[in-house]
Each structure stands twice: as structure tokens, then as C-alpha cells.
PDB file of N, CA and C in Angstrom:
ATOM      1  N   MET A   1       0.842  -1.206   0.000  1.00  0.00           N
ATOM      2  CA  MET A   1       0.000   0.000   0.000  1.00  0.00           C
ATOM      3  C   MET A   1       0.876   1.254   0.000  1.00  0.00           C
ATOM      4  N   SER A   2       1.966   1.214   0.750  1.00  0.00           N
ATOM      5  CA  SER A   2       2.838   2.394   0.821  1.00  0.00           C
ATOM      6  C   SER A   2       3.448   2.684  -0.550  1.00  0.00           C
ATOM      7  N   GLN A   3       3.751   1.607  -1.302  1.00  0.00           N
ATOM      8  CA  GLN A   3       4.347   1.804  -2.630  1.00  0.00           C
ATOM      9  C   GLN A   3       3.359   2.519  -3.549  1.00  0.00           C
ATOM     10  N   LEU A   4       2.091   2.109  -3.496  1.00  0.00           N
ATOM     11  CA  LEU A   4       1.082   2.757  -4.332  1.00  0.00           C
ATOM     12  C   LEU A   4       0.947   4.224  -3.937  1.00  0.00           C
ATOM     13  N   LYS A   5       1.030   4.499  -2.639  1.00  0.00           N
ATOM     14  CA  LYS A   5       0.911   5.883  -2.168  1.00  0.00           C
ATOM     15  C   LYS A   5       2.065   6.717  -2.714  1.00  0.00           C
ATOM     16  N   GLN A   6       3.270   6.164  -2.679  1.00  0.00           N
ATOM     17  CA  GLN A   6       4.431   6.898  -3.203  1.00  0.00           C
ATOM     18  C   GLN A   6       4.252   7.188  -4.688  1.00  0.00           C
ATOM     19  N   ILE A   7       3.765   6.193  -5.435  1.00  0.00           N
ATOM     20  CA  ILE A   7       3.556   6.375  -6.878  1.00  0.00           C
ATOM     21  C   ILE A   7       2.515   7.468  -7.125  1.00  0.00           C
ATOM     22  N   ALA A   8       1.439   7.456  -6.343  1.00  0.00           N
ATOM     23  CA  ALA A   8       0.388   8.461  -6.514  1.00  0.00           C
ATOM     24  C   ALA A   8       0.947   9.855  -6.246  1.00  0.00           C
ATOM     25  N   VAL A   9       1.709   9.998  -5.169  1.00  0.00           N
ATOM     26  CA  VAL A   9       2.287  11.306  -4.835  1.00  0.00           C
ATOM     27  C   VAL A   9       3.246  11.745  -5.936  1.00  0.00           C
ATOM     28  N   PHE A  10       4.023  10.791  -6.459  1.00  0.00           N
ATOM     29  CA  PHE A  10       4.978  11.120  -7.521  1.00  0.00           C
ATOM     30  C   PHE A  10       4.246  11.631  -8.758  1.00  0.00           C
ATOM     31  N   HIS A  11       3.161  10.945  -9.138  1.00  0.00           N
ATOM     32  CA  HIS A  11       2.404  11.365 -10.315  1.00  0.00           C
ATOM     33  C   HIS A  11       1.769  12.735 -10.088  1.00  0.00           C
ATOM     34  N   LEU A  12       1.236  12.955  -8.889  1.00  0.00           N
ATOM     35  CA  LEU A  12       0.607  14.245  -8.594  1.00  0.00           C
ATOM     36  C   LEU A  12       1.629  15.369  -8.692  1.00  0.00           C
ATOM     37  N   SER A  13       2.822  15.141  -8.158  1.00  0.00           N
ATOM     38  CA  SER A  13       3.863  16.176  -8.201  1.00  0.00           C
ATOM     39  C   SER A  13       4.267  16.449  -9.648  1.00  0.00           C
ATOM     40  N   CYS A  14       4.378  15.392 -10.446  1.00  0.00           N
ATOM     41  CA  CYS A  14       4.749  15.565 -11.860  1.00  0.00           C
ATOM     42  C   CYS A  14       3.673  16.356 -12.599  1.00  0.00           C
ATOM     43  N   ILE A  15       2.412  16.032 -12.349  1.00  0.00           N
ATOM     44  CA  ILE A  15       1.312  16.721 -13.027  1.00  0.00           C
ATOM     45  C   ILE A  15       1.284  18.192 -12.629  1.00  0.00           C
ATOM     46  N   SER A  16       1.455  18.457 -11.334  1.00  0.00           N
ATOM     47  CA  SER A  16       1.428  19.850 -10.867  1.00  0.00           C
ATOM     48  C   SER A  16       2.592  20.621 -11.470  1.00  0.00           C
ATOM     49  N   ARG A  17       3.757  19.971 -11.553  1.00  0.00           N
ATOM     50  CA  ARG A  17       4.933  20.636 -12.135  1.00  0.00           C
ATOM     51  C   ARG A  17       4.688  20.941 -13.608  1.00  0.00           C
ATOM     52  N   ASN A  18       4.080  20.004 -14.327  1.00  0.00           N
ATOM     53  CA  ASN A  18       3.792  20.219 -15.751  1.00  0.00           C
ATOM     54  C   ASN A  18       2.805  21.372 -15.927  1.00  0.00           C
ATOM     55  N   LEU A  19       1.793  21.430 -15.043  1.00  0.00           N
ATOM     56  CA  LEU A  19       0.814  22.512 -15.134  1.00  0.00           C
ATOM     57  C   LEU A  19       1.491  23.855 -14.904  1.00  0.00           C
ATOM     58  N   LEU A  20       2.370  23.917 -13.897  1.00  0.00           N
ATOM     59  CA  LEU A  20       3.066  25.173 -13.615  1.00  0.00           C
ATOM     60  C   LEU A  20       3.928  25.580 -14.804  1.00  0.00           C
ATOM     61  N   MET A  21       4.616  24.624 -15.407  1.00  0.00           N
ATOM     62  CA  MET A  21       5.463  24.931 -16.559  1.00  0.00           C
ATOM     63  C   MET A  21       4.613  25.428 -17.725  1.00  0.00           C
ATOM     64  N   ASN A  22       3.469  24.801 -17.956  1.00  0.00           N
ATOM     65  CA  ASN A  22       2.587  25.222 -19.053  1.00  0.00           C
ATOM     66  C   ASN A  22       2.082  26.640 -18.815  1.00  0.00           C
ATOM     67  N   ILE A  23       1.718  26.941 -17.566  1.00  0.00           N
ATOM     68  CA  ILE A  23       1.210  28.284 -17.249  1.00  0.00           C
ATOM     69  C   ILE A  23       2.315  29.316 -17.463  1.00  0.00           C
ATOM     70  N   ARG A  24       3.545  28.960 -17.112  1.00  0.00           N
ATOM     71  CA  ARG A  24       4.655  29.909 -17.265  1.00  0.00           C
ATOM     72  C   ARG A  24       5.009  30.106 -18.736  1.00  0.00           C
ATOM     73  N   LEU A  25       4.978  29.013 -19.510  1.00  0.00           N
ATOM     74  CA  LEU A  25       5.391  29.105 -20.918  1.00  0.00           C
ATOM     75  C   LEU A  25       4.348  29.858 -21.746  1.00  0.00           C
ATOM     76  N   THR A  26       3.071  29.566 -21.519  1.00  0.00           N
ATOM     77  CA  THR A  26       2.025  30.207 -22.318  1.00  0.00           C
ATOM     78  C   THR A  26       1.869  31.668 -21.907  1.00  0.00           C
ATOM     79  N   PRO A  27       1.682  32.570 -22.863  1.00  0.00           N
ATOM     80  CA  PRO A  27       1.470  33.985 -22.546  1.00  0.00           C
ATOM     81  C   PRO A  27       0.148  34.180 -21.820  1.00  0.00           C
ATOM     82  N   THR A  28       0.093  35.203 -20.984  1.00  0.00           N
ATOM     83  CA  THR A  28      -1.100  35.431 -20.154  1.00  0.00           C
ATOM     84  C   THR A  28      -2.181  36.123 -20.979  1.00  0.00           C
ATOM     85  N   GLN A  29      -2.647  35.463 -22.037  1.00  0.00           N
ATOM     86  CA  GLN A  29      -3.725  36.014 -22.854  1.00  0.00           C
ATOM     87  C   GLN A  29      -5.070  35.431 -22.436  1.00  0.00           C
ATOM     88  N   LYS A  30      -5.045  34.210 -21.883  1.00  0.00           N
ATOM     89  CA  LYS A  30      -6.301  33.556 -21.508  1.00  0.00           C
ATOM     90  C   LYS A  30      -6.938  34.241 -20.301  1.00  0.00           C
ATOM     91  N   TYR A  31      -6.092  34.756 -19.412  1.00  0.00           N
ATOM     92  CA  TYR A  31      -6.639  35.335 -18.175  1.00  0.00           C
ATOM     93  C   TYR A  31      -7.134  36.758 -18.415  1.00  0.00           C
TER      94      TYR A  31
END
């Protein structure tokens, strides 16, 4: 169970990092 938890946290961190990178790269025209 702990291994699955680590994998879930890892995926969440990767997704959040990708979202932050996308927000930084894209120009602030949508907002």
C-alpha cells in the first residue's frame, strides 16, 4: 500500500509541475 501511495504522490507532483510549466510558458492572454 505504501508503494502505491508513493507512486500516486509522484504522479501528482509531476502533473502539478507540468501545469506550472505550461502556465509559465504560455502567454497570459487567456486570463
